[in-house]
N, C-alpha and C. Protein backbone atom coordinates (compact mmCIF):
# COMPACT_ATOMS: atom_id res chain seq x y z
N MET A 1 6.44 29.59 29.98
CA MET A 1 5.23 29.94 29.27
C MET A 1 5.50 30.99 28.18
N ARG A 2 6.40 31.92 28.54
CA ARG A 2 6.73 32.97 27.59
C ARG A 2 7.44 32.40 26.36
N ALA A 3 8.31 31.40 26.59
CA ALA A 3 9.04 30.78 25.47
C ALA A 3 8.07 30.06 24.54
N ILE A 4 7.05 29.43 25.11
CA ILE A 4 6.05 28.73 24.29
C ILE A 4 5.27 29.74 23.45
N ALA A 5 4.89 30.84 24.06
CA ALA A 5 4.16 31.88 23.32
C ALA A 5 5.03 32.47 22.21
N GLN A 6 6.31 32.67 22.50
CA GLN A 6 7.22 33.21 21.48
C GLN A 6 7.39 32.21 20.34
N ALA A 7 7.56 30.93 20.67
CA ALA A 7 7.71 29.90 19.63
C ALA A 7 6.45 29.80 18.79
N PHE A 8 5.30 29.89 19.43
CA PHE A 8 4.03 29.84 18.70
C PHE A 8 3.90 31.04 17.76
N GLY A 9 4.33 32.21 18.24
CA GLY A 9 4.28 33.41 17.41
C GLY A 9 5.19 33.31 16.20
N LEU A 10 6.40 32.80 16.40
CA LEU A 10 7.33 32.63 15.28
C LEU A 10 6.81 31.57 14.31
N GLY A 11 6.24 30.49 14.85
CA GLY A 11 5.68 29.44 14.00
C GLY A 11 4.50 29.94 13.19
N SER A 12 3.65 30.75 13.81
CA SER A 12 2.49 31.26 13.07
C SER A 12 2.92 32.27 12.00
N ARG A 13 3.95 33.07 12.29
CA ARG A 13 4.48 33.97 11.26
C ARG A 13 5.06 33.19 10.09
N THR A 14 5.75 32.11 10.42
CA THR A 14 6.34 31.27 9.38
C THR A 14 5.26 30.66 8.50
N VAL A 15 4.23 30.11 9.13
CA VAL A 15 3.12 29.52 8.37
C VAL A 15 2.43 30.59 7.54
N SER A 16 2.28 31.78 8.08
CA SER A 16 1.66 32.88 7.32
C SER A 16 2.45 33.22 6.07
N TYR A 17 3.77 33.31 6.22
CA TYR A 17 4.61 33.60 5.04
C TYR A 17 4.52 32.47 4.02
N MET A 18 4.53 31.22 4.51
CA MET A 18 4.44 30.08 3.59
C MET A 18 3.11 30.07 2.85
N LEU A 19 2.02 30.30 3.57
CA LEU A 19 0.70 30.32 2.93
C LEU A 19 0.58 31.49 1.96
N GLY A 20 1.14 32.63 2.33
CA GLY A 20 1.14 33.78 1.42
C GLY A 20 1.92 33.47 0.14
N GLY A 21 3.08 32.82 0.29
CA GLY A 21 3.85 32.41 -0.88
C GLY A 21 3.11 31.41 -1.73
N LEU A 22 2.41 30.48 -1.09
CA LEU A 22 1.62 29.49 -1.82
C LEU A 22 0.48 30.15 -2.59
N VAL A 23 -0.18 31.12 -1.98
CA VAL A 23 -1.26 31.84 -2.66
C VAL A 23 -0.71 32.59 -3.87
N LEU A 24 0.43 33.24 -3.71
CA LEU A 24 1.03 33.97 -4.84
C LEU A 24 1.44 33.01 -5.95
N ALA A 25 2.04 31.88 -5.59
CA ALA A 25 2.43 30.89 -6.60
C ALA A 25 1.20 30.35 -7.33
N MET A 26 0.14 30.05 -6.58
CA MET A 26 -1.09 29.55 -7.20
C MET A 26 -1.69 30.61 -8.12
N ALA A 27 -1.64 31.87 -7.71
CA ALA A 27 -2.17 32.94 -8.55
C ALA A 27 -1.41 33.02 -9.87
N VAL A 28 -0.10 32.88 -9.81
CA VAL A 28 0.71 32.92 -11.04
C VAL A 28 0.38 31.71 -11.91
N ILE A 29 0.31 30.52 -11.30
CA ILE A 29 0.04 29.31 -12.07
C ILE A 29 -1.34 29.36 -12.70
N VAL A 30 -2.34 29.74 -11.92
CA VAL A 30 -3.71 29.80 -12.44
C VAL A 30 -3.84 30.90 -13.49
N GLY A 31 -3.12 32.02 -13.27
CA GLY A 31 -3.18 33.12 -14.23
C GLY A 31 -2.48 32.83 -15.55
N THR A 32 -1.50 31.94 -15.53
CA THR A 32 -0.74 31.68 -16.75
C THR A 32 -1.11 30.36 -17.43
N THR A 33 -1.95 29.58 -16.80
CA THR A 33 -2.38 28.31 -17.40
C THR A 33 -3.90 28.25 -17.37
N ALA A 34 -4.43 27.20 -17.94
CA ALA A 34 -5.88 27.00 -17.93
C ALA A 34 -6.33 26.20 -16.72
N ALA A 35 -5.42 25.87 -15.82
CA ALA A 35 -5.73 25.04 -14.66
C ALA A 35 -6.34 25.87 -13.54
N ASN A 36 -7.18 25.23 -12.73
CA ASN A 36 -7.67 25.87 -11.51
C ASN A 36 -6.90 25.30 -10.33
N THR A 37 -7.18 25.78 -9.13
CA THR A 37 -6.40 25.38 -7.97
C THR A 37 -6.54 23.88 -7.67
N VAL A 38 -7.71 23.32 -7.89
CA VAL A 38 -7.90 21.88 -7.67
C VAL A 38 -7.05 21.08 -8.65
N ASP A 39 -7.00 21.53 -9.90
CA ASP A 39 -6.17 20.86 -10.91
C ASP A 39 -4.69 20.90 -10.53
N VAL A 40 -4.24 22.05 -10.03
CA VAL A 40 -2.83 22.21 -9.65
C VAL A 40 -2.50 21.29 -8.47
N ALA A 41 -3.37 21.26 -7.47
CA ALA A 41 -3.15 20.39 -6.31
C ALA A 41 -3.16 18.92 -6.72
N SER A 42 -4.07 18.55 -7.59
CA SER A 42 -4.14 17.17 -8.08
C SER A 42 -2.89 16.82 -8.88
N TRP A 43 -2.43 17.74 -9.71
CA TRP A 43 -1.21 17.52 -10.47
C TRP A 43 -0.02 17.32 -9.54
N ALA A 44 0.09 18.15 -8.51
CA ALA A 44 1.21 18.04 -7.57
C ALA A 44 1.21 16.68 -6.89
N LYS A 45 0.02 16.22 -6.51
CA LYS A 45 -0.10 14.91 -5.86
C LYS A 45 0.25 13.79 -6.83
N ASP A 46 -0.25 13.88 -8.05
CA ASP A 46 -0.04 12.81 -9.03
C ASP A 46 1.37 12.78 -9.60
N VAL A 47 1.93 13.92 -9.93
CA VAL A 47 3.23 13.97 -10.60
C VAL A 47 4.37 13.98 -9.59
N LEU A 48 4.28 14.85 -8.59
CA LEU A 48 5.38 14.97 -7.63
C LEU A 48 5.30 13.91 -6.53
N GLY A 49 4.09 13.57 -6.14
CA GLY A 49 3.91 12.59 -5.06
C GLY A 49 3.82 13.27 -3.71
N MET A 50 3.05 12.66 -2.83
CA MET A 50 2.83 13.25 -1.50
C MET A 50 4.11 13.26 -0.67
N THR A 51 4.95 12.25 -0.81
CA THR A 51 6.18 12.22 -0.03
C THR A 51 7.07 13.40 -0.39
N PHE A 52 7.25 13.65 -1.67
CA PHE A 52 8.07 14.78 -2.10
C PHE A 52 7.47 16.09 -1.61
N VAL A 53 6.16 16.24 -1.75
CA VAL A 53 5.50 17.48 -1.34
C VAL A 53 5.66 17.71 0.16
N LEU A 54 5.49 16.66 0.97
CA LEU A 54 5.63 16.80 2.42
C LEU A 54 7.07 17.10 2.83
N LEU A 55 8.03 16.40 2.24
CA LEU A 55 9.43 16.68 2.55
C LEU A 55 9.82 18.09 2.10
N LEU A 56 9.37 18.48 0.92
CA LEU A 56 9.63 19.83 0.42
C LEU A 56 9.03 20.88 1.37
N GLY A 57 7.79 20.66 1.78
CA GLY A 57 7.13 21.59 2.70
C GLY A 57 7.86 21.71 4.03
N THR A 58 8.36 20.59 4.54
CA THR A 58 9.10 20.61 5.80
C THR A 58 10.39 21.41 5.66
N LEU A 59 11.10 21.20 4.57
CA LEU A 59 12.34 21.95 4.36
C LEU A 59 12.08 23.43 4.11
N ILE A 60 11.02 23.74 3.38
CA ILE A 60 10.66 25.16 3.18
C ILE A 60 10.31 25.79 4.52
N PHE A 61 9.54 25.08 5.34
CA PHE A 61 9.17 25.60 6.66
C PHE A 61 10.43 25.91 7.47
N THR A 62 11.39 25.00 7.45
CA THR A 62 12.62 25.20 8.21
C THR A 62 13.39 26.42 7.71
N ALA A 63 13.49 26.57 6.40
CA ALA A 63 14.21 27.72 5.84
C ALA A 63 13.49 29.03 6.16
N VAL A 64 12.17 29.04 6.02
CA VAL A 64 11.41 30.27 6.30
C VAL A 64 11.45 30.59 7.80
N LEU A 65 11.37 29.56 8.65
CA LEU A 65 11.48 29.79 10.09
C LEU A 65 12.85 30.40 10.42
N SER A 66 13.89 29.93 9.77
CA SER A 66 15.22 30.50 9.98
C SER A 66 15.25 31.97 9.58
N TRP A 67 14.62 32.28 8.46
CA TRP A 67 14.55 33.67 8.03
C TRP A 67 13.78 34.53 9.03
N VAL A 68 12.66 33.99 9.52
CA VAL A 68 11.86 34.72 10.51
C VAL A 68 12.69 34.95 11.78
N LYS A 69 13.43 33.94 12.21
CA LYS A 69 14.29 34.09 13.40
C LYS A 69 15.38 35.13 13.15
N MET A 70 15.94 35.15 11.94
CA MET A 70 16.98 36.13 11.63
C MET A 70 16.43 37.55 11.71
N THR A 71 15.20 37.75 11.28
CA THR A 71 14.63 39.10 11.23
C THR A 71 13.93 39.50 12.53
N ASP A 72 13.78 38.56 13.45
CA ASP A 72 13.11 38.84 14.72
C ASP A 72 14.01 39.71 15.59
N LYS A 73 13.47 40.78 16.12
CA LYS A 73 14.25 41.73 16.94
C LYS A 73 14.77 41.09 18.23
N ARG A 74 14.11 40.02 18.68
CA ARG A 74 14.52 39.37 19.93
C ARG A 74 15.67 38.39 19.74
N THR A 75 16.02 38.09 18.51
CA THR A 75 17.13 37.17 18.24
C THR A 75 18.44 37.89 18.53
N LEU A 76 19.27 37.27 19.34
CA LEU A 76 20.56 37.86 19.68
C LEU A 76 21.45 37.89 18.44
N SER A 77 22.28 38.92 18.34
CA SER A 77 23.11 39.09 17.15
C SER A 77 24.03 37.89 16.93
N GLY A 78 24.47 37.23 17.99
CA GLY A 78 25.31 36.06 17.86
C GLY A 78 24.58 34.84 17.30
N GLN A 79 23.27 34.84 17.40
CA GLN A 79 22.48 33.70 16.90
C GLN A 79 22.07 33.86 15.45
N ILE A 80 22.19 35.04 14.90
CA ILE A 80 21.74 35.29 13.53
C ILE A 80 22.53 34.43 12.54
N ARG A 81 23.83 34.32 12.74
CA ARG A 81 24.66 33.48 11.85
C ARG A 81 24.24 32.02 11.94
N THR A 82 23.88 31.56 13.13
CA THR A 82 23.42 30.18 13.31
C THR A 82 22.13 29.94 12.54
N TRP A 83 21.21 30.88 12.63
CA TRP A 83 19.94 30.73 11.90
C TRP A 83 20.15 30.82 10.39
N LEU A 84 21.13 31.63 9.97
CA LEU A 84 21.48 31.66 8.55
C LEU A 84 21.94 30.27 8.11
N GLU A 85 22.80 29.64 8.88
CA GLU A 85 23.30 28.31 8.54
C GLU A 85 22.19 27.27 8.52
N VAL A 86 21.27 27.34 9.48
CA VAL A 86 20.13 26.41 9.50
C VAL A 86 19.31 26.57 8.22
N GLY A 87 19.01 27.81 7.87
CA GLY A 87 18.23 28.08 6.67
C GLY A 87 18.95 27.66 5.40
N MET A 88 20.25 27.90 5.33
CA MET A 88 21.03 27.50 4.16
C MET A 88 21.06 25.97 4.03
N GLN A 89 21.20 25.28 5.15
CA GLN A 89 21.21 23.82 5.10
C GLN A 89 19.84 23.27 4.66
N ALA A 90 18.77 23.89 5.11
CA ALA A 90 17.43 23.47 4.68
C ALA A 90 17.26 23.74 3.18
N SER A 91 17.75 24.89 2.71
CA SER A 91 17.67 25.21 1.28
C SER A 91 18.49 24.23 0.45
N ASN A 92 19.67 23.91 0.93
CA ASN A 92 20.50 22.91 0.24
C ASN A 92 19.83 21.54 0.29
N GLY A 93 19.11 21.27 1.37
CA GLY A 93 18.36 20.01 1.47
C GLY A 93 17.29 19.92 0.39
N ILE A 94 16.70 21.04 0.02
CA ILE A 94 15.71 21.07 -1.05
C ILE A 94 16.36 20.68 -2.37
N THR A 95 17.56 21.21 -2.63
CA THR A 95 18.29 20.85 -3.85
C THR A 95 18.59 19.35 -3.85
N THR A 96 19.06 18.84 -2.74
CA THR A 96 19.37 17.41 -2.63
C THR A 96 18.12 16.57 -2.83
N LEU A 97 17.03 16.99 -2.22
CA LEU A 97 15.76 16.27 -2.37
C LEU A 97 15.32 16.24 -3.83
N ALA A 98 15.39 17.38 -4.49
CA ALA A 98 14.97 17.46 -5.90
C ALA A 98 15.83 16.57 -6.78
N LEU A 99 17.12 16.61 -6.59
CA LEU A 99 18.00 15.79 -7.42
C LEU A 99 17.87 14.31 -7.09
N THR A 100 17.63 13.98 -5.83
CA THR A 100 17.42 12.58 -5.45
C THR A 100 16.15 12.04 -6.12
N TYR A 101 15.09 12.83 -6.10
CA TYR A 101 13.85 12.39 -6.75
C TYR A 101 14.01 12.33 -8.27
N THR A 102 14.87 13.17 -8.81
CA THR A 102 15.14 13.09 -10.25
C THR A 102 15.78 11.75 -10.58
N LEU A 103 16.78 11.38 -9.84
CA LEU A 103 17.43 10.09 -10.07
C LEU A 103 16.49 8.93 -9.79
N PHE A 104 15.66 9.08 -8.79
CA PHE A 104 14.67 8.05 -8.45
C PHE A 104 13.68 7.85 -9.61
N GLY A 105 13.19 8.94 -10.16
CA GLY A 105 12.25 8.85 -11.29
C GLY A 105 12.87 8.23 -12.52
N ILE A 106 14.12 8.60 -12.79
CA ILE A 106 14.82 8.01 -13.93
C ILE A 106 15.01 6.51 -13.70
N SER A 107 15.39 6.14 -12.48
CA SER A 107 15.56 4.72 -12.15
C SER A 107 14.26 3.95 -12.31
N LEU A 108 13.16 4.54 -11.85
CA LEU A 108 11.86 3.88 -12.02
C LEU A 108 11.53 3.70 -13.50
N GLY A 109 11.82 4.73 -14.29
CA GLY A 109 11.55 4.65 -15.72
C GLY A 109 12.37 3.57 -16.39
N ILE A 110 13.64 3.51 -16.07
CA ILE A 110 14.51 2.48 -16.66
C ILE A 110 14.08 1.10 -16.18
N GLY A 111 13.70 1.00 -14.90
CA GLY A 111 13.21 -0.27 -14.38
C GLY A 111 11.95 -0.73 -15.08
N THR A 112 11.05 0.19 -15.34
CA THR A 112 9.81 -0.13 -16.07
C THR A 112 10.13 -0.61 -17.48
N LEU A 113 11.06 0.07 -18.10
CA LEU A 113 11.44 -0.28 -19.47
C LEU A 113 12.12 -1.65 -19.52
N SER A 114 12.97 -1.92 -18.54
CA SER A 114 13.70 -3.19 -18.57
C SER A 114 12.79 -4.39 -18.27
N GLU A 115 11.71 -4.18 -17.54
CA GLU A 115 10.81 -5.28 -17.20
C GLU A 115 9.72 -5.49 -18.25
N ALA A 116 9.57 -4.57 -19.16
CA ALA A 116 8.48 -4.64 -20.12
C ALA A 116 8.87 -5.45 -21.35
N THR A 117 7.87 -6.08 -21.89
CA THR A 117 8.03 -6.77 -23.17
C THR A 117 7.53 -5.81 -24.24
N LEU A 118 8.42 -5.49 -25.15
CA LEU A 118 8.05 -4.54 -26.19
C LEU A 118 7.52 -5.28 -27.42
N THR A 119 6.25 -5.04 -27.67
CA THR A 119 5.60 -5.55 -28.88
C THR A 119 4.79 -4.39 -29.44
N PRO A 120 4.34 -4.49 -30.65
CA PRO A 120 3.50 -3.42 -31.20
C PRO A 120 2.24 -3.17 -30.35
N ASP A 121 1.76 -4.21 -29.65
CA ASP A 121 0.55 -4.04 -28.84
C ASP A 121 0.84 -3.38 -27.49
N THR A 122 2.05 -3.55 -26.95
CA THR A 122 2.36 -3.03 -25.62
C THR A 122 3.17 -1.74 -25.62
N ILE A 123 3.64 -1.31 -26.75
CA ILE A 123 4.55 -0.16 -26.80
C ILE A 123 3.92 1.12 -26.23
N HIS A 124 2.63 1.32 -26.46
CA HIS A 124 1.97 2.52 -25.95
C HIS A 124 1.93 2.54 -24.43
N GLU A 125 1.64 1.41 -23.80
CA GLU A 125 1.60 1.33 -22.34
C GLU A 125 2.99 1.48 -21.74
N VAL A 126 3.98 0.90 -22.38
CA VAL A 126 5.35 1.00 -21.89
C VAL A 126 5.81 2.45 -21.96
N ILE A 127 5.54 3.12 -23.05
CA ILE A 127 5.93 4.53 -23.19
C ILE A 127 5.17 5.40 -22.20
N ARG A 128 3.90 5.10 -21.97
CA ARG A 128 3.10 5.86 -20.99
C ARG A 128 3.71 5.74 -19.59
N ALA A 129 4.07 4.52 -19.18
CA ALA A 129 4.69 4.31 -17.87
C ALA A 129 6.05 4.99 -17.79
N LEU A 130 6.82 4.90 -18.86
CA LEU A 130 8.14 5.50 -18.90
C LEU A 130 8.06 7.02 -18.77
N THR A 131 7.16 7.64 -19.49
CA THR A 131 7.03 9.10 -19.43
C THR A 131 6.47 9.57 -18.10
N ALA A 132 5.62 8.77 -17.46
CA ALA A 132 5.11 9.13 -16.14
C ALA A 132 6.25 9.18 -15.14
N ASN A 133 7.14 8.20 -15.19
CA ASN A 133 8.29 8.19 -14.27
C ASN A 133 9.27 9.31 -14.60
N PHE A 134 9.49 9.58 -15.86
CA PHE A 134 10.38 10.67 -16.24
C PHE A 134 9.77 12.02 -15.87
N SER A 135 8.46 12.12 -15.90
CA SER A 135 7.79 13.35 -15.48
C SER A 135 8.08 13.62 -14.01
N LEU A 136 7.98 12.59 -13.17
CA LEU A 136 8.35 12.73 -11.75
C LEU A 136 9.79 13.20 -11.65
N ALA A 137 10.65 12.56 -12.42
CA ALA A 137 12.07 12.87 -12.34
C ALA A 137 12.35 14.34 -12.62
N PHE A 138 11.85 14.83 -13.71
CA PHE A 138 12.23 16.17 -14.12
C PHE A 138 11.40 17.27 -13.43
N MET A 139 10.18 17.00 -13.08
CA MET A 139 9.37 18.03 -12.43
C MET A 139 9.84 18.30 -11.00
N THR A 140 10.37 17.28 -10.31
CA THR A 140 10.91 17.55 -8.97
C THR A 140 12.09 18.50 -9.05
N THR A 141 12.87 18.39 -10.10
CA THR A 141 13.99 19.30 -10.30
C THR A 141 13.48 20.69 -10.68
N VAL A 142 12.50 20.74 -11.56
CA VAL A 142 11.94 22.02 -12.01
C VAL A 142 11.32 22.78 -10.84
N VAL A 143 10.73 22.07 -9.91
CA VAL A 143 10.13 22.71 -8.73
C VAL A 143 11.18 23.00 -7.67
N GLY A 144 12.01 22.02 -7.37
CA GLY A 144 12.93 22.12 -6.24
C GLY A 144 14.06 23.11 -6.40
N LEU A 145 14.71 23.12 -7.54
CA LEU A 145 15.88 23.99 -7.71
C LEU A 145 15.54 25.48 -7.63
N PRO A 146 14.49 25.97 -8.29
CA PRO A 146 14.18 27.40 -8.13
C PRO A 146 13.75 27.76 -6.71
N VAL A 147 13.01 26.88 -6.05
CA VAL A 147 12.59 27.15 -4.67
C VAL A 147 13.83 27.26 -3.78
N SER A 148 14.76 26.33 -3.96
CA SER A 148 16.00 26.35 -3.19
C SER A 148 16.79 27.63 -3.45
N ALA A 149 16.93 28.00 -4.69
CA ALA A 149 17.67 29.22 -5.04
C ALA A 149 17.01 30.46 -4.45
N LEU A 150 15.69 30.53 -4.52
CA LEU A 150 14.96 31.67 -3.97
C LEU A 150 15.18 31.78 -2.46
N LEU A 151 15.08 30.65 -1.75
CA LEU A 151 15.27 30.68 -0.30
C LEU A 151 16.70 31.03 0.07
N ARG A 152 17.68 30.48 -0.64
CA ARG A 152 19.08 30.82 -0.37
C ARG A 152 19.33 32.31 -0.58
N SER A 153 18.76 32.86 -1.65
CA SER A 153 18.92 34.30 -1.93
C SER A 153 18.28 35.13 -0.83
N LEU A 154 17.08 34.76 -0.42
CA LEU A 154 16.38 35.48 0.65
C LEU A 154 17.22 35.49 1.92
N LEU A 155 17.74 34.33 2.29
CA LEU A 155 18.55 34.24 3.51
C LEU A 155 19.85 35.03 3.40
N ALA A 156 20.55 34.91 2.28
CA ALA A 156 21.83 35.59 2.11
C ALA A 156 21.67 37.11 2.07
N VAL A 157 20.69 37.59 1.35
CA VAL A 157 20.47 39.04 1.26
C VAL A 157 20.03 39.59 2.61
N THR A 158 19.17 38.86 3.31
CA THR A 158 18.74 39.32 4.64
C THR A 158 19.93 39.38 5.59
N TYR A 159 20.77 38.36 5.55
CA TYR A 159 21.95 38.36 6.42
C TYR A 159 22.87 39.54 6.08
N ALA A 160 23.09 39.78 4.81
CA ALA A 160 23.94 40.91 4.40
C ALA A 160 23.35 42.24 4.86
N ARG A 161 22.03 42.37 4.77
CA ARG A 161 21.36 43.59 5.22
C ARG A 161 21.53 43.78 6.73
N ILE A 162 21.38 42.70 7.49
CA ILE A 162 21.53 42.76 8.94
C ILE A 162 22.97 43.12 9.31
N GLU A 163 23.93 42.50 8.62
CA GLU A 163 25.34 42.80 8.88
C GLU A 163 25.66 44.26 8.56
N ALA A 164 25.15 44.75 7.44
CA ALA A 164 25.40 46.15 7.06
C ALA A 164 24.79 47.10 8.08
N ALA A 165 23.60 46.78 8.56
CA ALA A 165 22.95 47.63 9.56
C ALA A 165 23.73 47.60 10.88
N THR A 166 24.27 46.45 11.21
CA THR A 166 25.06 46.33 12.44
C THR A 166 26.34 47.14 12.34
N VAL A 167 27.02 47.06 11.21
CA VAL A 167 28.25 47.83 11.01
C VAL A 167 27.94 49.32 11.02
N ALA A 168 26.86 49.71 10.38
CA ALA A 168 26.48 51.13 10.35
C ALA A 168 26.16 51.64 11.75
N SER A 169 25.45 50.84 12.54
CA SER A 169 25.11 51.28 13.89
C SER A 169 26.35 51.33 14.78
N MET A 170 27.33 50.45 14.53
CA MET A 170 28.58 50.49 15.30
C MET A 170 29.33 51.78 14.99
N GLY A 171 29.33 52.22 13.72
CA GLY A 171 29.99 53.45 13.34
C GLY A 171 29.34 54.66 14.01
N LYS A 172 28.02 54.65 14.10
CA LYS A 172 27.32 55.74 14.77
C LYS A 172 27.61 55.75 16.26
N PHE A 173 27.75 54.57 16.86
CA PHE A 173 28.07 54.49 18.28
C PHE A 173 29.45 55.06 18.53
N GLU A 174 30.41 54.75 17.64
CA GLU A 174 31.76 55.27 17.80
C GLU A 174 31.78 56.79 17.66
N GLU A 175 30.97 57.35 16.75
CA GLU A 175 30.90 58.80 16.57
C GLU A 175 30.37 59.46 17.83
N ILE A 176 29.36 58.85 18.44
CA ILE A 176 28.74 59.44 19.63
C ILE A 176 29.71 59.38 20.82
N SER A 177 30.44 58.28 20.94
CA SER A 177 31.34 58.12 22.09
C SER A 177 32.60 59.00 21.99
N GLN A 178 32.89 59.52 20.81
CA GLN A 178 34.10 60.37 20.66
C GLN A 178 33.75 61.73 21.04
């Protein structure tokens, strides 16, 4: 029962951090553009697609959960490196996801172009379809790569801070024992 309560607590902390990050990102987007939150959510659904958003969210959750586990006082020092690796792999998964969707969008665009008959009457529709697919391609990269870099930095800096604190506390222990 205690393990379930602990897992629920870590999960709720993770969701809290993710929602807080989402609120901050939305505040920046709304503050720097003329879009409102509904417009931003609609854009994400239309341009990025629900599959990309759900996979991205799952990988972000995994990376943030790893960070929460690393910073949790109950995590054994031997497990911190494992959680760092889990978080780094999830962050790298975000990069892979973004680049895969980039190639997917380009492929869709080329496929649309190759199947279309280009005439003066159809050129506008063909270009519209082509740019929609290229928008998917490049926006997944624009979203995914910075998110991945931010999470990798968060994990690496946190790990370095924990290691430095551990080394410092070991030095103090040696001073006391002498």
